[in-house]
Amino acid sequence: MKRIEHMYEKLYRRIITEYGELQLFAEDAEISRSALSQKLDGKSKIDVTEMFRWCQLLNVSPLEIPLLFDASETMRAVMSA
């Protein structure tokens, strides 16, 4: 079975590297597994607060945000905050 490509593929890979599965990350991020999937698939927005919280959970420097999150989406989220 072919794995689905996510809009935020680098972020998805980092979550799997750090947590092994999405469910465990979703629990630490305090969101449902389905809400996390919607965000990774680009069906739901990831807000600035979530970006910074997720970076903490994934041991990622805020300077690396544009590498894990789509740069244009990151700028839109920051500008609307």
N, C-alpha and C. Protein backbone atom coordinates (compact mmCIF):
# COMPACT_ATOMS: atom_id res chain seq x y z
N MET A 1 0.84 -1.19 0.00
CA MET A 1 0.00 0.00 0.00
C MET A 1 0.89 1.25 0.00
N LYS A 2 0.60 2.17 -0.87
CA LYS A 2 1.39 3.39 -1.00
C LYS A 2 1.01 4.40 0.10
N ARG A 3 2.04 4.99 0.72
CA ARG A 3 1.82 6.00 1.75
C ARG A 3 1.40 7.31 1.11
N ILE A 4 0.48 7.99 1.74
CA ILE A 4 -0.01 9.27 1.25
C ILE A 4 1.04 10.34 1.48
N GLU A 5 1.28 11.17 0.47
CA GLU A 5 2.16 12.34 0.62
C GLU A 5 1.37 13.43 1.33
N HIS A 6 2.00 14.06 2.29
CA HIS A 6 1.35 15.13 3.04
C HIS A 6 1.83 16.48 2.52
N MET A 7 0.98 17.50 2.66
CA MET A 7 1.36 18.85 2.28
C MET A 7 2.61 19.27 3.06
N TYR A 8 2.65 18.89 4.32
CA TYR A 8 3.78 19.22 5.19
C TYR A 8 4.63 17.96 5.37
N GLU A 9 5.19 17.47 4.29
CA GLU A 9 5.92 16.20 4.29
C GLU A 9 7.11 16.21 5.26
N LYS A 10 7.88 17.28 5.29
CA LYS A 10 9.04 17.35 6.19
C LYS A 10 8.59 17.32 7.65
N LEU A 11 7.51 18.02 7.94
CA LEU A 11 6.96 18.01 9.29
C LEU A 11 6.48 16.60 9.65
N TYR A 12 5.78 15.96 8.73
CA TYR A 12 5.31 14.59 8.94
C TYR A 12 6.49 13.66 9.26
N ARG A 13 7.55 13.75 8.45
CA ARG A 13 8.72 12.88 8.67
C ARG A 13 9.38 13.15 10.02
N ARG A 14 9.41 14.42 10.43
CA ARG A 14 10.00 14.77 11.72
C ARG A 14 9.17 14.18 12.86
N ILE A 15 7.85 14.26 12.75
CA ILE A 15 6.96 13.68 13.76
C ILE A 15 7.20 12.17 13.88
N ILE A 16 7.28 11.50 12.75
CA ILE A 16 7.50 10.04 12.75
C ILE A 16 8.88 9.72 13.33
N THR A 17 9.88 10.52 12.99
CA THR A 17 11.23 10.30 13.53
C THR A 17 11.24 10.43 15.04
N GLU A 18 10.59 11.48 15.56
CA GLU A 18 10.62 11.76 16.99
C GLU A 18 9.65 10.90 17.81
N TYR A 19 8.47 10.60 17.22
CA TYR A 19 7.41 9.94 17.99
C TYR A 19 7.09 8.52 17.52
N GLY A 20 7.46 8.18 16.31
CA GLY A 20 7.16 6.85 15.80
C GLY A 20 5.80 6.73 15.16
N GLU A 21 4.83 7.49 15.63
CA GLU A 21 3.49 7.48 15.04
C GLU A 21 2.76 8.78 15.35
N LEU A 22 1.81 9.11 14.49
CA LEU A 22 1.09 10.38 14.62
C LEU A 22 0.27 10.45 15.91
N GLN A 23 -0.33 9.34 16.32
CA GLN A 23 -1.18 9.34 17.51
C GLN A 23 -0.45 9.83 18.75
N LEU A 24 0.79 9.39 18.93
CA LEU A 24 1.56 9.79 20.11
C LEU A 24 1.86 11.29 20.08
N PHE A 25 2.19 11.81 18.90
CA PHE A 25 2.43 13.25 18.78
C PHE A 25 1.14 14.02 19.03
N ALA A 26 0.04 13.56 18.45
CA ALA A 26 -1.25 14.23 18.62
C ALA A 26 -1.61 14.34 20.11
N GLU A 27 -1.35 13.28 20.86
CA GLU A 27 -1.64 13.31 22.30
C GLU A 27 -0.81 14.39 23.00
N ASP A 28 0.49 14.46 22.69
CA ASP A 28 1.34 15.49 23.30
C ASP A 28 0.94 16.89 22.84
N ALA A 29 0.50 17.00 21.60
CA ALA A 29 0.08 18.30 21.05
C ALA A 29 -1.33 18.67 21.49
N GLU A 30 -1.98 17.74 22.18
CA GLU A 30 -3.33 17.95 22.71
C GLU A 30 -4.36 18.26 21.62
N ILE A 31 -4.26 17.50 20.52
CA ILE A 31 -5.27 17.55 19.47
C ILE A 31 -5.59 16.11 19.07
N SER A 32 -6.70 15.94 18.38
CA SER A 32 -7.06 14.60 17.95
C SER A 32 -6.18 14.15 16.79
N ARG A 33 -6.09 12.86 16.61
CA ARG A 33 -5.31 12.29 15.51
C ARG A 33 -5.87 12.77 14.17
N SER A 34 -7.20 12.84 14.06
CA SER A 34 -7.82 13.27 12.80
C SER A 34 -7.56 14.76 12.54
N ALA A 35 -7.56 15.59 13.59
CA ALA A 35 -7.25 17.02 13.41
C ALA A 35 -5.81 17.20 12.95
N LEU A 36 -4.90 16.41 13.52
CA LEU A 36 -3.50 16.47 13.10
C LEU A 36 -3.36 16.08 11.63
N SER A 37 -4.03 15.02 11.22
CA SER A 37 -3.97 14.59 9.82
C SER A 37 -4.51 15.65 8.88
N GLN A 38 -5.60 16.30 9.28
CA GLN A 38 -6.16 17.37 8.44
C GLN A 38 -5.17 18.51 8.29
N LYS A 39 -4.46 18.84 9.34
CA LYS A 39 -3.47 19.91 9.29
C LYS A 39 -2.29 19.50 8.41
N LEU A 40 -1.81 18.27 8.55
CA LEU A 40 -0.69 17.80 7.74
C LEU A 40 -1.05 17.70 6.26
N ASP A 41 -2.32 17.43 5.99
CA ASP A 41 -2.80 17.32 4.60
C ASP A 41 -3.19 18.67 4.00
N GLY A 42 -3.11 19.75 4.80
CA GLY A 42 -3.45 21.07 4.30
C GLY A 42 -4.93 21.36 4.26
N LYS A 43 -5.74 20.51 4.88
CA LYS A 43 -7.19 20.70 4.90
C LYS A 43 -7.63 21.62 6.03
N SER A 44 -6.73 21.84 6.97
CA SER A 44 -6.98 22.72 8.11
C SER A 44 -5.69 23.50 8.37
N LYS A 45 -5.81 24.73 8.76
CA LYS A 45 -4.63 25.57 8.97
C LYS A 45 -3.91 25.25 10.28
N ILE A 46 -2.61 25.45 10.25
CA ILE A 46 -1.78 25.34 11.44
C ILE A 46 -1.49 26.77 11.88
N ASP A 47 -1.95 27.14 13.08
CA ASP A 47 -1.74 28.53 13.50
C ASP A 47 -0.36 28.70 14.14
N VAL A 48 0.00 29.94 14.37
CA VAL A 48 1.33 30.28 14.89
C VAL A 48 1.59 29.62 16.25
N THR A 49 0.61 29.64 17.12
CA THR A 49 0.76 29.02 18.43
C THR A 49 1.09 27.54 18.29
N GLU A 50 0.38 26.86 17.39
CA GLU A 50 0.65 25.44 17.15
C GLU A 50 2.05 25.25 16.59
N MET A 51 2.46 26.10 15.66
CA MET A 51 3.79 25.98 15.07
C MET A 51 4.87 26.00 16.15
N PHE A 52 4.79 26.98 17.04
CA PHE A 52 5.80 27.10 18.08
C PHE A 52 5.71 25.96 19.09
N ARG A 53 4.51 25.56 19.45
CA ARG A 53 4.32 24.43 20.38
C ARG A 53 4.87 23.16 19.76
N TRP A 54 4.55 22.91 18.49
CA TRP A 54 5.02 21.70 17.83
C TRP A 54 6.54 21.69 17.72
N CYS A 55 7.13 22.85 17.50
CA CYS A 55 8.59 22.94 17.45
C CYS A 55 9.20 22.53 18.78
N GLN A 56 8.57 22.96 19.87
CA GLN A 56 9.06 22.56 21.20
C GLN A 56 8.97 21.04 21.36
N LEU A 57 7.84 20.47 20.98
CA LEU A 57 7.65 19.03 21.12
C LEU A 57 8.63 18.23 20.26
N LEU A 58 8.98 18.79 19.11
CA LEU A 58 9.86 18.09 18.16
C LEU A 58 11.33 18.48 18.30
N ASN A 59 11.63 19.29 19.32
CA ASN A 59 13.01 19.76 19.54
C ASN A 59 13.57 20.47 18.30
N VAL A 60 12.76 21.36 17.76
CA VAL A 60 13.13 22.12 16.56
C VAL A 60 13.28 23.58 16.94
N SER A 61 14.33 24.21 16.48
CA SER A 61 14.54 25.63 16.69
C SER A 61 13.49 26.42 15.90
N PRO A 62 12.97 27.51 16.47
CA PRO A 62 12.04 28.36 15.71
C PRO A 62 12.63 28.82 14.37
N LEU A 63 13.96 28.89 14.29
CA LEU A 63 14.58 29.29 13.03
C LEU A 63 14.39 28.25 11.93
N GLU A 64 14.04 27.02 12.32
CA GLU A 64 13.82 25.95 11.35
C GLU A 64 12.37 25.85 10.88
N ILE A 65 11.49 26.71 11.41
CA ILE A 65 10.08 26.66 11.05
C ILE A 65 9.86 26.67 9.54
N PRO A 66 10.51 27.57 8.79
CA PRO A 66 10.26 27.57 7.34
C PRO A 66 10.69 26.26 6.65
N LEU A 67 11.58 25.50 7.27
CA LEU A 67 12.00 24.23 6.69
C LEU A 67 10.95 23.14 6.87
N LEU A 68 10.22 23.19 7.99
CA LEU A 68 9.23 22.16 8.27
C LEU A 68 7.82 22.54 7.82
N PHE A 69 7.55 23.82 7.85
CA PHE A 69 6.23 24.31 7.46
C PHE A 69 6.39 25.05 6.14
N ASP A 70 5.41 24.97 5.29
CA ASP A 70 5.45 25.68 4.02
C ASP A 70 5.72 27.16 4.30
N ALA A 71 6.74 27.71 3.68
CA ALA A 71 7.16 29.09 3.96
C ALA A 71 6.04 30.10 3.73
N SER A 72 5.26 29.95 2.66
CA SER A 72 4.19 30.92 2.39
C SER A 72 3.08 30.80 3.43
N GLU A 73 2.77 29.58 3.87
CA GLU A 73 1.77 29.39 4.92
C GLU A 73 2.27 29.97 6.23
N THR A 74 3.55 29.79 6.52
CA THR A 74 4.13 30.32 7.74
C THR A 74 3.99 31.84 7.78
N MET A 75 4.32 32.49 6.69
CA MET A 75 4.21 33.96 6.64
C MET A 75 2.76 34.41 6.79
N ARG A 76 1.82 33.72 6.15
CA ARG A 76 0.41 34.08 6.28
C ARG A 76 -0.05 33.94 7.74
N ALA A 77 0.38 32.88 8.40
CA ALA A 77 -0.01 32.66 9.80
C ALA A 77 0.57 33.74 10.70
N VAL A 78 1.82 34.08 10.49
CA VAL A 78 2.47 35.11 11.30
C VAL A 78 1.83 36.47 11.07
N MET A 79 1.52 36.79 9.82
CA MET A 79 0.92 38.08 9.50
C MET A 79 -0.50 38.22 10.05
N SER A 80 -1.22 37.11 10.19
CA SER A 80 -2.59 37.19 10.67
C SER A 80 -2.67 37.08 12.20
N ALA A 81 -1.54 36.84 12.86
CA ALA A 81 -1.56 36.69 14.33
C ALA A 81 -1.60 38.05 15.02
